[in-house]
PDB file of all heavy atoms in Angstrom:
ATOM      1  N   MET A   1       0.812  -1.213   0.000  1.00  0.00           N
ATOM      2  CA  MET A   1       0.000   0.000   0.000  1.00  0.00           C
ATOM      3  C   MET A   1       0.851   1.270   0.000  1.00  0.00           C
ATOM      4  O   MET A   1       0.380   2.352  -0.327  1.00  0.00           O
ATOM      5  CB  MET A   1      -0.937   0.004   1.207  1.00  0.00           C
ATOM      6  CG  MET A   1      -0.248   0.130   2.554  1.00  0.00           C
ATOM      7  SD  MET A   1      -1.415   0.208   3.954  1.00  0.00           S
ATOM      8  CE  MET A   1      -1.974  -1.484   4.047  1.00  0.00           C
ATOM      9  N   GLY A   2       2.115   1.169   0.396  1.00  0.00           N
ATOM     10  CA  GLY A   2       3.005   2.316   0.449  1.00  0.00           C
ATOM     11  C   GLY A   2       4.329   1.890   1.056  1.00  0.00           C
ATOM     12  O   GLY A   2       4.483   0.745   1.525  1.00  0.00           O
ATOM     13  N   MET A   3       5.297   2.819   1.065  1.00  0.00           N
ATOM     14  CA  MET A   3       6.627   2.484   1.557  1.00  0.00           C
ATOM     15  C   MET A   3       7.253   3.691   2.250  1.00  0.00           C
ATOM     16  O   MET A   3       7.068   4.826   1.824  1.00  0.00           O
ATOM     17  CB  MET A   3       7.525   2.016   0.394  1.00  0.00           C
ATOM     18  CG  MET A   3       6.964   0.820  -0.351  1.00  0.00           C
ATOM     19  SD  MET A   3       7.797   0.471  -1.925  1.00  0.00           S
ATOM     20  CE  MET A   3       9.310  -0.249  -1.321  1.00  0.00           C
ATOM     21  N   VAL A   4       8.003   3.415   3.319  1.00  0.00           N
ATOM     22  CA  VAL A   4       8.842   4.406   3.980  1.00  0.00           C
ATOM     23  C   VAL A   4      10.248   3.815   4.014  1.00  0.00           C
ATOM     24  O   VAL A   4      10.479   2.793   4.667  1.00  0.00           O
ATOM     25  CB  VAL A   4       8.351   4.724   5.412  1.00  0.00           C
ATOM     26  CG1 VAL A   4       9.300   5.717   6.089  1.00  0.00           C
ATOM     27  CG2 VAL A   4       6.935   5.290   5.376  1.00  0.00           C
ATOM     28  N   LEU A   5      11.167   4.452   3.294  1.00  0.00           N
ATOM     29  CA  LEU A   5      12.508   3.907   3.108  1.00  0.00           C
ATOM     30  C   LEU A   5      13.549   4.900   3.589  1.00  0.00           C
ATOM     31  O   LEU A   5      13.374   6.108   3.459  1.00  0.00           O
ATOM     32  CB  LEU A   5      12.758   3.572   1.635  1.00  0.00           C
ATOM     33  CG  LEU A   5      11.713   2.660   0.967  1.00  0.00           C
ATOM     34  CD1 LEU A   5      12.075   2.443  -0.494  1.00  0.00           C
ATOM     35  CD2 LEU A   5      11.583   1.338   1.704  1.00  0.00           C
ATOM     36  N   ARG A   6      14.671   4.364   4.069  1.00  0.00           N
ATOM     37  CA  ARG A   6      15.728   5.208   4.633  1.00  0.00           C
ATOM     38  C   ARG A   6      17.104   4.677   4.226  1.00  0.00           C
ATOM     39  O   ARG A   6      17.299   3.483   4.124  1.00  0.00           O
ATOM     40  CB  ARG A   6      15.579   5.188   6.165  1.00  0.00           C
ATOM     41  CG  ARG A   6      16.527   6.048   6.963  1.00  0.00           C
ATOM     42  CD  ARG A   6      17.772   5.313   7.421  1.00  0.00           C
ATOM     43  NE  ARG A   6      17.559   4.005   7.983  1.00  0.00           N
ATOM     44  CZ  ARG A   6      18.529   3.119   8.185  1.00  0.00           C
ATOM     45  NH1 ARG A   6      19.787   3.391   7.853  1.00  0.00           N
ATOM     46  NH2 ARG A   6      18.261   1.922   8.694  1.00  0.00           N
ATOM     47  N   GLY A   7      18.039   5.596   3.973  1.00  0.00           N
ATOM     48  CA  GLY A   7      19.410   5.197   3.661  1.00  0.00           C
ATOM     49  C   GLY A   7      19.454   4.263   2.475  1.00  0.00           C
ATOM     50  O   GLY A   7      19.843   3.106   2.588  1.00  0.00           O
ATOM     51  N   ILE A   8      19.090   4.760   1.307  1.00  0.00           N
ATOM     52  CA  ILE A   8      18.807   3.904   0.153  1.00  0.00           C
ATOM     53  C   ILE A   8      20.049   3.170  -0.343  1.00  0.00           C
ATOM     54  O   ILE A   8      21.103   3.756  -0.572  1.00  0.00           O
ATOM     55  CB  ILE A   8      18.207   4.740  -0.996  1.00  0.00           C
ATOM     56  CG1 ILE A   8      16.916   5.424  -0.534  1.00  0.00           C
ATOM     57  CG2 ILE A   8      17.955   3.866  -2.212  1.00  0.00           C
ATOM     58  CD1 ILE A   8      15.844   4.489  -0.011  1.00  0.00           C
ATOM     59  N   PHE A   9      19.866   1.857  -0.544  1.00  0.00           N
ATOM     60  CA  PHE A   9      20.894   0.993  -1.107  1.00  0.00           C
ATOM     61  C   PHE A   9      20.257   0.216  -2.248  1.00  0.00           C
ATOM     62  O   PHE A   9      19.307  -0.540  -2.029  1.00  0.00           O
ATOM     63  CB  PHE A   9      21.436   0.035  -0.035  1.00  0.00           C
ATOM     64  CG  PHE A   9      22.487  -0.914  -0.534  1.00  0.00           C
ATOM     65  CD1 PHE A   9      23.688  -0.458  -1.037  1.00  0.00           C
ATOM     66  CD2 PHE A   9      22.271  -2.288  -0.481  1.00  0.00           C
ATOM     67  CE1 PHE A   9      24.660  -1.339  -1.493  1.00  0.00           C
ATOM     68  CE2 PHE A   9      23.236  -3.182  -0.933  1.00  0.00           C
ATOM     69  CZ  PHE A   9      24.440  -2.706  -1.431  1.00  0.00           C
ATOM     70  N   LEU A  10      20.754   0.416  -3.468  1.00  0.00           N
ATOM     71  CA  LEU A  10      20.178  -0.221  -4.646  1.00  0.00           C
ATOM     72  C   LEU A  10      20.949  -1.462  -5.067  1.00  0.00           C
ATOM     73  O   LEU A  10      20.596  -2.099  -6.060  1.00  0.00           O
ATOM     74  CB  LEU A  10      20.107   0.780  -5.804  1.00  0.00           C
ATOM     75  CG  LEU A  10      19.233   2.019  -5.545  1.00  0.00           C
ATOM     76  CD1 LEU A  10      19.343   3.001  -6.703  1.00  0.00           C
ATOM     77  CD2 LEU A  10      17.780   1.622  -5.310  1.00  0.00           C
ATOM     78  N   GLY A  11      22.004  -1.804  -4.322  1.00  0.00           N
ATOM     79  CA  GLY A  11      22.733  -3.034  -4.599  1.00  0.00           C
ATOM     80  C   GLY A  11      23.576  -3.004  -5.857  1.00  0.00           C
ATOM     81  O   GLY A  11      23.939  -4.060  -6.383  1.00  0.00           O
ATOM     82  N   ARG A  12      23.925  -1.819  -6.352  1.00  0.00           N
ATOM     83  CA  ARG A  12      24.734  -1.718  -7.565  1.00  0.00           C
ATOM     84  C   ARG A  12      26.206  -1.978  -7.245  1.00  0.00           C
ATOM     85  O   ARG A  12      26.662  -1.711  -6.123  1.00  0.00           O
ATOM     86  CB  ARG A  12      24.557  -0.334  -8.194  1.00  0.00           C
ATOM     87  CG  ARG A  12      23.117  -0.063  -8.620  1.00  0.00           C
ATOM     88  CD  ARG A  12      22.909   1.319  -9.169  1.00  0.00           C
ATOM     89  NE  ARG A  12      22.994   2.344  -8.135  1.00  0.00           N
ATOM     90  CZ  ARG A  12      22.652   3.620  -8.324  1.00  0.00           C
ATOM     91  NH1 ARG A  12      22.194   4.005  -9.503  1.00  0.00           N
ATOM     92  NH2 ARG A  12      22.767   4.489  -7.338  1.00  0.00           N
ATOM     93  N   PRO A  13      26.968  -2.487  -8.208  1.00  0.00           N
ATOM     94  CA  PRO A  13      28.392  -2.740  -7.950  1.00  0.00           C
ATOM     95  C   PRO A  13      29.136  -1.519  -7.426  1.00  0.00           C
ATOM     96  O   PRO A  13      30.018  -1.659  -6.563  1.00  0.00           O
ATOM     97  CB  PRO A  13      28.920  -3.171  -9.319  1.00  0.00           C
ATOM     98  CG  PRO A  13      27.736  -3.783 -10.001  1.00  0.00           C
ATOM     99  CD  PRO A  13      26.560  -2.965  -9.538  1.00  0.00           C
ATOM    100  N   SER A  14      28.780  -0.337  -7.899  1.00  0.00           N
ATOM    101  CA  SER A  14      29.452   0.879  -7.431  1.00  0.00           C
ATOM    102  C   SER A  14      29.206   1.120  -5.951  1.00  0.00           C
ATOM    103  O   SER A  14      30.082   1.647  -5.242  1.00  0.00           O
ATOM    104  CB  SER A  14      28.977   2.086  -8.236  1.00  0.00           C
ATOM    105  OG  SER A  14      27.574   2.268  -8.102  1.00  0.00           O
ATOM    106  N   GLU A  15      28.039   0.711  -5.447  1.00  0.00           N
ATOM    107  CA  GLU A  15      27.724   0.901  -4.034  1.00  0.00           C
ATOM    108  C   GLU A  15      28.501  -0.084  -3.166  1.00  0.00           C
ATOM    109  O   GLU A  15      28.937   0.262  -2.058  1.00  0.00           O
ATOM    110  CB  GLU A  15      26.215   0.752  -3.821  1.00  0.00           C
ATOM    111  CG  GLU A  15      25.399   1.856  -4.483  1.00  0.00           C
ATOM    112  CD  GLU A  15      23.922   1.547  -4.494  1.00  0.00           C
ATOM    113  OE1 GLU A  15      23.488   0.772  -5.374  1.00  0.00           O
ATOM    114  OE2 GLU A  15      23.196   2.081  -3.643  1.00  0.00           O
ATOM    115  N   VAL A  16      28.659  -1.313  -3.658  1.00  0.00           N
ATOM    116  CA  VAL A  16      29.469  -2.297  -2.931  1.00  0.00           C
ATOM    117  C   VAL A  16      30.932  -1.862  -2.923  1.00  0.00           C
ATOM    118  O   VAL A  16      31.610  -1.931  -1.889  1.00  0.00           O
ATOM    119  CB  VAL A  16      29.306  -3.695  -3.558  1.00  0.00           C
ATOM    120  CG1 VAL A  16      30.239  -4.697  -2.879  1.00  0.00           C
ATOM    121  CG2 VAL A  16      27.854  -4.168  -3.448  1.00  0.00           C
ATOM    122  N   ASP A  17      31.426  -1.382  -4.059  1.00  0.00           N
ATOM    123  CA  ASP A  17      32.810  -0.897  -4.131  1.00  0.00           C
ATOM    124  C   ASP A  17      33.021   0.263  -3.163  1.00  0.00           C
ATOM    125  O   ASP A  17      34.079   0.374  -2.529  1.00  0.00           O
ATOM    126  CB  ASP A  17      33.149  -0.451  -5.552  1.00  0.00           C
ATOM    127  CG  ASP A  17      33.263  -1.611  -6.524  1.00  0.00           C
ATOM    128  OD1 ASP A  17      33.371  -2.761  -6.055  1.00  0.00           O
ATOM    129  OD2 ASP A  17      33.210  -1.373  -7.748  1.00  0.00           O
ATOM    130  N   TRP A  18      32.036   1.128  -3.057  1.00  0.00           N
ATOM    131  CA  TRP A  18      32.143   2.251  -2.124  1.00  0.00           C
ATOM    132  C   TRP A  18      32.283   1.746  -0.694  1.00  0.00           C
ATOM    133  O   TRP A  18      33.124   2.219   0.075  1.00  0.00           O
ATOM    134  CB  TRP A  18      30.924   3.165  -2.226  1.00  0.00           C
ATOM    135  CG  TRP A  18      30.931   4.226  -1.155  1.00  0.00           C
ATOM    136  CD1 TRP A  18      30.307   4.175   0.054  1.00  0.00           C
ATOM    137  CD2 TRP A  18      31.667   5.449  -1.191  1.00  0.00           C
ATOM    138  NE1 TRP A  18      30.580   5.299   0.785  1.00  0.00           N
ATOM    139  CE2 TRP A  18      31.425   6.103   0.047  1.00  0.00           C
ATOM    140  CE3 TRP A  18      32.482   6.059  -2.125  1.00  0.00           C
ATOM    141  CZ2 TRP A  18      31.969   7.343   0.355  1.00  0.00           C
ATOM    142  CZ3 TRP A  18      33.032   7.298  -1.822  1.00  0.00           C
ATOM    143  CH2 TRP A  18      32.778   7.919  -0.585  1.00  0.00           C
ATOM    144  N   PHE A  19      31.450   0.767  -0.322  1.00  0.00           N
ATOM    145  CA  PHE A  19      31.496   0.239   1.040  1.00  0.00           C
ATOM    146  C   PHE A  19      32.856  -0.381   1.337  1.00  0.00           C
ATOM    147  O   PHE A  19      33.410  -0.203   2.428  1.00  0.00           O
ATOM    148  CB  PHE A  19      30.390  -0.800   1.230  1.00  0.00           C
ATOM    149  CG  PHE A  19      30.385  -1.446   2.588  1.00  0.00           C
ATOM    150  CD1 PHE A  19      29.734  -0.834   3.653  1.00  0.00           C
ATOM    151  CD2 PHE A  19      31.023  -2.655   2.816  1.00  0.00           C
ATOM    152  CE1 PHE A  19      29.723  -1.422   4.917  1.00  0.00           C
ATOM    153  CE2 PHE A  19      31.025  -3.253   4.072  1.00  0.00           C
ATOM    154  CZ  PHE A  19      30.381  -2.616   5.124  1.00  0.00           C
ATOM    155  N   LEU A  20      33.398  -1.112   0.389  1.00  0.00           N
ATOM    156  CA  LEU A  20      34.649  -1.833   0.620  1.00  0.00           C
ATOM    157  C   LEU A  20      35.887  -0.948   0.492  1.00  0.00           C
ATOM    158  O   LEU A  20      36.907  -1.233   1.132  1.00  0.00           O
ATOM    159  CB  LEU A  20      34.755  -3.005  -0.356  1.00  0.00           C
ATOM    160  CG  LEU A  20      33.743  -4.130  -0.160  1.00  0.00           C
ATOM    161  CD1 LEU A  20      33.809  -5.116  -1.310  1.00  0.00           C
ATOM    162  CD2 LEU A  20      33.978  -4.844   1.172  1.00  0.00           C
ATOM    163  N   GLU A  21      35.818   0.090  -0.338  1.00  0.00           N
ATOM    164  CA  GLU A  21      37.008   0.898  -0.599  1.00  0.00           C
ATOM    165  C   GLU A  21      36.778   2.395  -0.453  1.00  0.00           C
ATOM    166  O   GLU A  21      37.594   3.105   0.120  1.00  0.00           O
ATOM    167  CB  GLU A  21      37.543   0.604  -2.014  1.00  0.00           C
ATOM    168  CG  GLU A  21      37.916  -0.852  -2.249  1.00  0.00           C
ATOM    169  CD  GLU A  21      39.128  -1.302  -1.435  1.00  0.00           C
ATOM    170  OE1 GLU A  21      39.865  -0.441  -0.901  1.00  0.00           O
ATOM    171  OE2 GLU A  21      39.337  -2.531  -1.320  1.00  0.00           O
ATOM    172  N   GLY A  22      35.666   2.886  -1.000  1.00  0.00           N
ATOM    173  CA  GLY A  22      35.459   4.335  -1.071  1.00  0.00           C
ATOM    174  C   GLY A  22      35.363   5.026   0.270  1.00  0.00           C
ATOM    175  O   GLY A  22      35.799   6.172   0.425  1.00  0.00           O
ATOM    176  N   ILE A  23      34.799   4.334   1.268  1.00  0.00           N
ATOM    177  CA  ILE A  23      34.642   4.933   2.597  1.00  0.00           C
ATOM    178  C   ILE A  23      35.989   5.361   3.168  1.00  0.00           C
ATOM    179  O   ILE A  23      36.057   6.276   4.000  1.00  0.00           O
ATOM    180  CB  ILE A  23      33.921   3.951   3.549  1.00  0.00           C
ATOM    181  CG1 ILE A  23      32.462   3.764   3.123  1.00  0.00           C
ATOM    182  CG2 ILE A  23      33.944   4.450   4.994  1.00  0.00           C
ATOM    183  CD1 ILE A  23      31.694   2.779   3.986  1.00  0.00           C
ATOM    184  N   ALA A  24      37.071   4.734   2.704  1.00  0.00           N
ATOM    185  CA  ALA A  24      38.410   5.075   3.212  1.00  0.00           C
ATOM    186  C   ALA A  24      38.741   6.553   3.024  1.00  0.00           C
ATOM    187  O   ALA A  24      39.574   7.104   3.756  1.00  0.00           O
ATOM    188  CB  ALA A  24      39.463   4.217   2.513  1.00  0.00           C
ATOM    189  N   ARG A  25      38.089   7.212   2.084  1.00  0.00           N
ATOM    190  CA  ARG A  25      38.352   8.635   1.869  1.00  0.00           C
ATOM    191  C   ARG A  25      37.878   9.475   3.048  1.00  0.00           C
ATOM    192  O   ARG A  25      38.404  10.560   3.295  1.00  0.00           O
ATOM    193  CB  ARG A  25      37.649   9.110   0.589  1.00  0.00           C
ATOM    194  CG  ARG A  25      38.078   8.359  -0.665  1.00  0.00           C
ATOM    195  CD  ARG A  25      37.284   8.824  -1.860  1.00  0.00           C
ATOM    196  NE  ARG A  25      37.477   7.923  -3.000  1.00  0.00           N
ATOM    197  CZ  ARG A  25      36.853   8.064  -4.162  1.00  0.00           C
ATOM    198  NH1 ARG A  25      35.982   9.055  -4.335  1.00  0.00           N
ATOM    199  NH2 ARG A  25      37.079   7.207  -5.143  1.00  0.00           N
ATOM    200  N   PHE A  26      36.883   9.008   3.754  1.00  0.00           N
ATOM    201  CA  PHE A  26      36.311   9.761   4.869  1.00  0.00           C
ATOM    202  C   PHE A  26      36.577   9.106   6.218  1.00  0.00           C
ATOM    203  O   PHE A  26      36.617   9.792   7.243  1.00  0.00           O
ATOM    204  CB  PHE A  26      34.801   9.933   4.664  1.00  0.00           C
ATOM    205  CG  PHE A  26      34.456  10.790   3.495  1.00  0.00           C
ATOM    206  CD1 PHE A  26      34.290  10.249   2.233  1.00  0.00           C
ATOM    207  CD2 PHE A  26      34.329  12.168   3.639  1.00  0.00           C
ATOM    208  CE1 PHE A  26      33.986  11.039   1.143  1.00  0.00           C
ATOM    209  CE2 PHE A  26      34.020  12.975   2.559  1.00  0.00           C
ATOM    210  CZ  PHE A  26      33.852  12.416   1.300  1.00  0.00           C
ATOM    211  N   PHE A  27      36.722   7.781   6.230  1.00  0.00           N
ATOM    212  CA  PHE A  27      37.022   7.045   7.452  1.00  0.00           C
ATOM    213  C   PHE A  27      38.287   6.217   7.253  1.00  0.00           C
ATOM    214  O   PHE A  27      38.236   4.981   7.297  1.00  0.00           O
ATOM    215  CB  PHE A  27      35.844   6.151   7.849  1.00  0.00           C
ATOM    216  CG  PHE A  27      34.656   6.874   8.414  1.00  0.00           C
ATOM    217  CD1 PHE A  27      33.647   7.331   7.580  1.00  0.00           C
ATOM    218  CD2 PHE A  27      34.536   7.112   9.782  1.00  0.00           C
ATOM    219  CE1 PHE A  27      32.547   7.997   8.081  1.00  0.00           C
ATOM    220  CE2 PHE A  27      33.436   7.781  10.299  1.00  0.00           C
ATOM    221  CZ  PHE A  27      32.437   8.229   9.447  1.00  0.00           C
ATOM    222  N   PRO A  28      39.432   6.869   7.003  1.00  0.00           N
ATOM    223  CA  PRO A  28      40.656   6.097   6.744  1.00  0.00           C
ATOM    224  C   PRO A  28      41.078   5.242   7.924  1.00  0.00           C
ATOM    225  O   PRO A  28      41.656   4.164   7.734  1.00  0.00           O
ATOM    226  CB  PRO A  28      41.692   7.175   6.433  1.00  0.00           C
ATOM    227  CG  PRO A  28      41.159   8.418   7.070  1.00  0.00           C
ATOM    228  CD  PRO A  28      39.675   8.322   6.962  1.00  0.00           C
ATOM    229  N   ASP A  29      40.783   5.694   9.142  1.00  0.00           N
ATOM    230  CA  ASP A  29      41.162   4.921  10.320  1.00  0.00           C
ATOM    231  C   ASP A  29      40.331   3.646  10.432  1.00  0.00           C
ATOM    232  O   ASP A  29      40.864   2.551  10.675  1.00  0.00           O
ATOM    233  CB  ASP A  29      41.037   5.767  11.584  1.00  0.00           C
ATOM    234  CG  ASP A  29      39.728   6.555  11.656  1.00  0.00           C
ATOM    235  OD1 ASP A  29      38.967   6.572  10.656  1.00  0.00           O
ATOM    236  OD2 ASP A  29      39.463   7.177  12.705  1.00  0.00           O
ATOM    237  N   ALA A  30      39.016   3.766  10.236  1.00  0.00           N
ATOM    238  CA  ALA A  30      38.147   2.588  10.300  1.00  0.00           C
ATOM    239  C   ALA A  30      38.481   1.615   9.176  1.00  0.00           C
ATOM    240  O   ALA A  30      38.510   0.389   9.374  1.00  0.00           O
ATOM    241  CB  ALA A  30      36.684   2.997  10.225  1.00  0.00           C
TER     242      ALA A  30
END
């Protein structure tokens, strides 16, 4: 009947690559 969505993840390869590598640009320590 409807949807309420948060923090959208579409499962694209670019999004997985970001999680595994790209975040290092902002959280290099983590």
